[in-house]
Every structure is written in C-alpha cells, then in structure tokens.
Amino acid sequence: MSRSVKIKQLAAKLRAVRKRLGLSQAQLALRITSFEIKYGRISDYELGKRTPNLLVLLDYSRLAGVHVDDLIDDSVSLFEKGGVR
C-alpha cells in the first residue's frame, strides 16, 4: 500500500472521530491538549495534507476512546471496535 493511501486512510479516521464526537474543527482544536493547534491544522490532518505527530494522535485516541494503534492500523475499523464515545 502506498504512503499516500495510508495517509488518506488516517485522514478519514481522524475526520470520522471528530464527526462522531459532534465537534467542529475549532472545537476539536481546543480539545487537543498536547499542543496549541489552530483549527486549520485539523483541516490539514483531515485532508491528508499533514500528518499529526504522536502526541496529537494520543489526544485523538483518548478523545475517541481507542488505542493509537486503532487510528494508524489500516485493517482496524474504529466503529467495529466500539470506539468513539
């Protein structure tokens, strides 16, 4: 699988987490506590223009109630595992 396909799959999972939580990009940016992040950065993650660093992925996983592995493993469906509160 190519790197660009993997990035798009991660982007789709990150977007799904935010939408399932019912948050806007600005609201999610406020909940990411590892760094001060502007909502434009969230957009970049969701469009696959940027890849979040590990600390940001940890914040996403905590908000979603899943392991970081579930976000980055392309063979795992977040919603089948009961994640995203």
C-alpha atoms as a PDB file:
ATOM      1  CA  MET A   1       0.000   0.000   0.000  1.00  0.00           C
ATOM      2  CA  SER A   2       1.384   3.382  -0.934  1.00  0.00           C
ATOM      3  CA  ARG A   3       2.177   6.080   1.608  1.00  0.00           C
ATOM      4  CA  SER A   4      -0.419   8.437   0.129  1.00  0.00           C
ATOM      5  CA  VAL A   5      -3.156   5.808   0.506  1.00  0.00           C
ATOM      6  CA  LYS A   6      -2.178   5.256   4.158  1.00  0.00           C
ATOM      7  CA  ILE A   7      -2.254   8.997   4.828  1.00  0.00           C
ATOM      8  CA  LYS A   8      -5.721   9.261   3.249  1.00  0.00           C
ATOM      9  CA  GLN A   9      -6.972   6.395   5.422  1.00  0.00           C
ATOM     10  CA  LEU A  10      -5.623   8.054   8.558  1.00  0.00           C
ATOM     11  CA  ALA A  11      -7.184  11.352   7.458  1.00  0.00           C
ATOM     12  CA  ALA A  12     -10.552   9.641   7.023  1.00  0.00           C
ATOM     13  CA  LYS A  13     -10.333   8.118  10.514  1.00  0.00           C
ATOM     14  CA  LEU A  14      -9.449  11.462  12.080  1.00  0.00           C
ATOM     15  CA  ARG A  15     -12.373  13.138  10.314  1.00  0.00           C
ATOM     16  CA  ALA A  16     -14.684  10.312  11.424  1.00  0.00           C
ATOM     17  CA  VAL A  17     -13.561  10.720  15.048  1.00  0.00           C
ATOM     18  CA  ARG A  18     -14.345  14.428  15.012  1.00  0.00           C
ATOM     19  CA  LYS A  19     -17.710  13.976  13.350  1.00  0.00           C
ATOM     20  CA  ARG A  20     -18.711  11.114  15.648  1.00  0.00           C
ATOM     21  CA  LEU A  21     -17.860  13.312  18.625  1.00  0.00           C
ATOM     22  CA  GLY A  22     -20.056  16.052  17.137  1.00  0.00           C
ATOM     23  CA  LEU A  23     -17.278  18.641  17.208  1.00  0.00           C
ATOM     24  CA  SER A  24     -16.325  21.366  14.772  1.00  0.00           C
ATOM     25  CA  GLN A  25     -12.690  21.604  13.762  1.00  0.00           C
ATOM     26  CA  ALA A  26     -12.320  24.628  16.050  1.00  0.00           C
ATOM     27  CA  GLN A  27     -13.835  22.731  18.994  1.00  0.00           C
ATOM     28  CA  LEU A  28     -11.572  19.751  18.404  1.00  0.00           C
ATOM     29  CA  ALA A  29      -8.537  22.021  18.196  1.00  0.00           C
ATOM     30  CA  LEU A  30      -9.370  23.253  21.702  1.00  0.00           C
ATOM     31  CA  ARG A  31      -9.522  19.679  22.987  1.00  0.00           C
ATOM     32  CA  ILE A  32      -6.106  18.755  21.623  1.00  0.00           C
ATOM     33  CA  THR A  33      -4.014  19.468  24.692  1.00  0.00           C
ATOM     34  CA  SER A  34      -0.548  18.340  23.555  1.00  0.00           C
ATOM     35  CA  PHE A  35      -0.018  21.493  21.510  1.00  0.00           C
ATOM     36  CA  GLU A  36      -1.833  24.699  20.782  1.00  0.00           C
ATOM     37  CA  ILE A  37      -3.418  23.853  17.465  1.00  0.00           C
ATOM     38  CA  LYS A  38      -5.442  26.084  15.194  1.00  0.00           C
ATOM     39  CA  TYR A  39      -8.489  24.591  13.518  1.00  0.00           C
ATOM     40  CA  GLY A  40      -6.775  24.983  10.140  1.00  0.00           C
ATOM     41  CA  ARG A  41      -4.299  22.336  11.238  1.00  0.00           C
ATOM     42  CA  ILE A  42      -7.209  19.972  11.962  1.00  0.00           C
ATOM     43  CA  SER A  43      -8.402  20.578   8.403  1.00  0.00           C
ATOM     44  CA  ASP A  44      -4.941  19.731   7.098  1.00  0.00           C
ATOM     45  CA  TYR A  45      -4.982  16.444   9.061  1.00  0.00           C
ATOM     46  CA  GLU A  46      -8.429  15.554   7.741  1.00  0.00           C
ATOM     47  CA  LEU A  47      -7.473  16.331   4.148  1.00  0.00           C
ATOM     48  CA  GLY A  48      -4.224  14.376   4.395  1.00  0.00           C
ATOM     49  CA  LYS A  49      -2.114  17.490   3.804  1.00  0.00           C
ATOM     50  CA  ARG A  50      -0.302  16.995   7.129  1.00  0.00           C
ATOM     51  CA  THR A  51       0.237  14.042   9.387  1.00  0.00           C
ATOM     52  CA  PRO A  52      -0.264  14.628  13.107  1.00  0.00           C
ATOM     53  CA  ASN A  53       2.621  13.885  15.408  1.00  0.00           C
ATOM     54  CA  LEU A  54       2.410  11.138  18.016  1.00  0.00           C
ATOM     55  CA  LEU A  55       1.259  13.410  20.848  1.00  0.00           C
ATOM     56  CA  VAL A  56      -1.622  14.714  18.762  1.00  0.00           C
ATOM     57  CA  LEU A  57      -2.558  11.145  17.804  1.00  0.00           C
ATOM     58  CA  LEU A  58      -2.576  10.292  21.510  1.00  0.00           C
ATOM     59  CA  ASP A  59      -5.033  13.108  22.125  1.00  0.00           C
ATOM     60  CA  TYR A  60      -7.250  11.893  19.279  1.00  0.00           C
ATOM     61  CA  SER A  61      -7.161   8.342  20.631  1.00  0.00           C
ATOM     62  CA  ARG A  62      -8.068   9.464  24.149  1.00  0.00           C
ATOM     63  CA  LEU A  63     -10.969  11.543  22.883  1.00  0.00           C
ATOM     64  CA  ALA A  64     -12.169   8.641  20.737  1.00  0.00           C
ATOM     65  CA  GLY A  65     -11.702   6.024  23.460  1.00  0.00           C
ATOM     66  CA  VAL A  66      -9.454   3.849  21.286  1.00  0.00           C
ATOM     67  CA  HIS A  67      -5.796   2.891  21.183  1.00  0.00           C
ATOM     68  CA  VAL A  68      -3.437   4.815  18.914  1.00  0.00           C
ATOM     69  CA  ASP A  69      -2.922   1.525  17.064  1.00  0.00           C
ATOM     70  CA  ASP A  70      -6.583   1.644  16.057  1.00  0.00           C
ATOM     71  CA  LEU A  71      -6.061   5.017  14.408  1.00  0.00           C
ATOM     72  CA  ILE A  72      -2.950   4.080  12.466  1.00  0.00           C
ATOM     73  CA  ASP A  73      -3.704   0.423  11.640  1.00  0.00           C
ATOM     74  CA  ASP A  74      -5.500   0.388   8.304  1.00  0.00           C
ATOM     75  CA  SER A  75      -7.001  -3.033   8.982  1.00  0.00           C
ATOM     76  CA  VAL A  76      -8.941  -1.780  12.031  1.00  0.00           C
ATOM     77  CA  SER A  77     -12.350  -0.134  11.811  1.00  0.00           C
ATOM     78  CA  LEU A  78     -12.832   2.285  14.701  1.00  0.00           C
ATOM     79  CA  PHE A  79     -16.556   1.803  14.886  1.00  0.00           C
ATOM     80  CA  GLU A  80     -16.473  -2.006  14.819  1.00  0.00           C
ATOM     81  CA  LYS A  81     -14.227  -1.926  17.905  1.00  0.00           C
ATOM     82  CA  GLY A  82     -16.725   0.186  19.791  1.00  0.00           C
ATOM     83  CA  GLY A  83     -14.559   3.280  19.831  1.00  0.00           C
ATOM     84  CA  VAL A  84     -15.503   6.923  19.589  1.00  0.00           C
ATOM     85  CA  ARG A  85     -17.639   7.835  22.536  1.00  0.00           C
END
